[in-house]
Every structure is written in C-alpha cells, then in structure tokens.
Amino acid sequence: MDRSTAAITRADGETVGRVRPVDRGLWVPETVFGGILGSAAEYDAARMVVLRLGMASLLEPWWMNDGGSWDRVELVEIQTDRVRVRPWSPFNLAIGSEADAGRWVNPSETPLALKEPSQT
C-alpha cells in the first residue's frame, strides 16, 4: 500500500477525513484539516474511525496545544489549511453566538486533537 496520506470518502463521494501513515504500518485517523481523531491503528481500523467520526466530530469540543499545554476549544470555522477556534465553554453555542469569533490557527503548527492527549 502507498505510504502517503490517503483521503477517506463516504459512499456519496464526500471527503470526510484522511489517514496519515506513521511507524510500523500504522495510520493516524485525521479530519480534513489534520485534526487527530484517534490513536494510530492499522489502515482499515483508522479508515473506519474517519468514516465514523470525521464529520460528526466537528461539532464536539476539541483540544489544542498552543505553546505547551492542551486547552479545550470549540471549532468555529473550518478550512482544509486553517481552523478558527475559541475557548470552549458549555455556554458557547456555535450557531448564533458572535461574542467571541475566535482566532485562526494552522493545524500543522498548532496541534488539535478530538480526545485529550495523555499528559506524560
């Protein structure tokens, strides 16, 4: 199998994420913007994570590492090369709330993960 990042599409043709190869034949499931959806796994398992969580995860709170610590954020706007985020709060409602429009981050420079990364 080719060792480059592979786009994952649903049966209707919509791209819902991608898988990125890492060590020992494992693949990391990611969103279309490169946010990490889960742990590295074999190709088929990583692909299934993308199909199950790729689009649905965009409405969930995410974790962002912006300078050493992981903080919970809300995704406000998403493009393939950048994401607008704002601090997560249970009182934020993404639809209709403009009190804090957030800021743009580049996911290749500022890691984003669906699940809180373990603190090692």
Protein backbone atom coordinates (compact mmCIF):
# COMPACT_ATOMS: atom_id res chain seq x y z
CA MET A 1 0.00 0.00 0.00
CA ASP A 2 1.19 3.54 -0.79
CA ARG A 3 2.70 5.25 2.27
CA SER A 4 1.31 8.73 1.58
CA THR A 5 -1.65 10.39 3.30
CA ALA A 6 -4.90 8.98 1.93
CA ALA A 7 -8.21 10.85 1.68
CA ILE A 8 -11.23 8.96 3.02
CA THR A 9 -14.57 9.43 1.29
CA ARG A 10 -18.07 8.25 2.09
CA ALA A 11 -20.16 6.25 -0.37
CA ASP A 12 -21.71 9.52 -1.63
CA GLY A 13 -18.24 10.79 -2.61
CA GLU A 14 -17.81 13.39 0.15
CA THR A 15 -14.34 13.51 1.67
CA VAL A 16 -14.72 13.19 5.45
CA GLY A 17 -11.08 13.00 6.53
CA ARG A 18 -7.79 11.28 5.87
CA VAL A 19 -5.36 8.75 7.27
CA ARG A 20 -1.67 9.55 7.68
CA PRO A 21 0.99 6.83 7.79
CA VAL A 22 3.26 6.58 10.83
CA ASP A 23 5.70 3.94 12.08
CA ARG A 24 5.31 0.16 11.79
CA GLY A 25 2.49 0.13 9.24
CA LEU A 26 0.12 2.15 11.40
CA TRP A 27 -2.08 5.04 10.28
CA VAL A 28 -3.42 8.05 12.21
CA PRO A 29 -7.07 8.96 11.53
CA GLU A 30 -7.49 12.71 10.90
CA THR A 31 -10.09 15.27 9.89
CA VAL A 32 -9.86 17.09 6.56
CA PHE A 33 -7.81 19.80 8.30
CA GLY A 34 -5.44 17.35 10.03
CA GLY A 35 -7.02 17.21 13.50
CA ILE A 36 -6.29 13.87 15.18
CA LEU A 37 -9.40 11.70 15.60
CA GLY A 38 -7.83 8.75 17.41
CA SER A 39 -4.79 6.60 18.03
CA ALA A 40 -2.65 5.11 15.28
CA ALA A 41 -4.07 1.82 14.02
CA GLU A 42 -3.94 -0.48 11.01
CA TYR A 43 -5.25 1.13 7.82
CA ASP A 44 -8.76 -0.36 7.85
CA ALA A 45 -9.31 0.48 11.53
CA ALA A 46 -8.08 4.06 11.05
CA ARG A 47 -10.30 4.40 7.98
CA MET A 48 -13.34 3.29 9.98
CA VAL A 49 -12.59 5.90 12.68
CA VAL A 50 -12.55 8.60 9.99
CA LEU A 51 -15.82 7.37 8.49
CA ARG A 52 -17.48 7.23 11.93
CA LEU A 53 -16.11 10.46 13.45
CA GLY A 54 -14.78 12.63 10.62
CA MET A 55 -17.78 14.91 10.14
CA ALA A 56 -19.59 14.36 13.46
CA SER A 57 -16.52 15.34 15.45
CA LEU A 58 -16.57 18.87 14.08
CA LEU A 59 -19.42 19.73 16.48
CA GLU A 60 -17.57 18.40 19.53
CA PRO A 61 -15.14 20.26 21.81
CA TRP A 62 -11.50 19.73 20.75
CA TRP A 63 -8.10 20.01 22.46
CA MET A 64 -5.48 22.45 21.17
CA ASN A 65 -1.82 22.70 22.12
CA ASP A 66 -0.81 26.31 21.69
CA GLY A 67 2.50 26.61 23.48
CA GLY A 68 2.92 23.61 25.74
CA SER A 69 -0.44 22.97 27.37
CA TRP A 70 -3.60 21.40 26.00
CA ASP A 71 -6.71 23.57 26.25
CA ARG A 72 -10.28 22.76 25.30
CA VAL A 73 -11.56 24.72 22.29
CA GLU A 74 -14.59 24.97 20.08
CA LEU A 75 -14.22 24.81 16.31
CA VAL A 76 -15.97 27.87 14.88
CA GLU A 77 -14.98 27.70 11.21
CA ILE A 78 -13.06 25.05 9.30
CA GLN A 79 -10.98 25.13 6.14
CA THR A 80 -8.52 22.49 4.96
CA ASP A 81 -5.49 24.58 5.90
CA ARG A 82 -6.73 26.53 8.93
CA VAL A 83 -9.33 26.45 11.69
CA ARG A 84 -10.99 29.24 13.65
CA VAL A 85 -11.15 28.29 17.33
CA ARG A 86 -12.28 29.89 20.55
CA PRO A 87 -12.07 28.75 24.16
CA TRP A 88 -14.64 26.06 24.85
CA SER A 89 -17.41 26.75 27.32
CA PRO A 90 -20.64 24.85 27.94
CA PHE A 91 -22.33 28.22 27.44
CA ASN A 92 -20.97 28.71 23.91
CA LEU A 93 -23.36 27.90 21.16
CA ALA A 94 -21.55 27.82 17.83
CA ILE A 95 -24.69 28.87 15.98
CA GLY A 96 -25.66 32.47 16.55
CA SER A 97 -23.01 33.36 19.13
CA GLU A 98 -20.67 36.10 17.95
CA ALA A 99 -19.45 37.29 21.35
CA ASP A 100 -16.10 35.63 20.63
CA ALA A 101 -15.49 34.87 16.96
CA GLY A 102 -12.20 33.20 17.88
CA ARG A 103 -8.90 33.19 16.06
CA TRP A 104 -7.41 31.32 13.13
CA VAL A 105 -4.80 28.62 13.74
CA ASN A 106 -2.80 26.50 11.34
CA PRO A 107 -3.27 22.84 12.40
CA SER A 108 0.14 21.88 11.02
CA GLU A 109 1.71 24.32 13.51
CA THR A 110 -0.83 24.16 16.35
CA PRO A 111 -1.90 20.55 17.10
CA LEU A 112 -5.61 19.81 17.51
CA ALA A 113 -6.98 16.55 18.90
CA LEU A 114 -10.52 15.28 19.50
CA LYS A 115 -9.53 13.48 22.72
CA GLU A 116 -7.35 15.00 25.40
CA PRO A 117 -3.80 13.75 24.82
CA SER A 118 -2.29 11.97 27.80
CA GLN A 119 -0.14 14.16 29.98
CA THR A 120 3.28 12.49 30.06
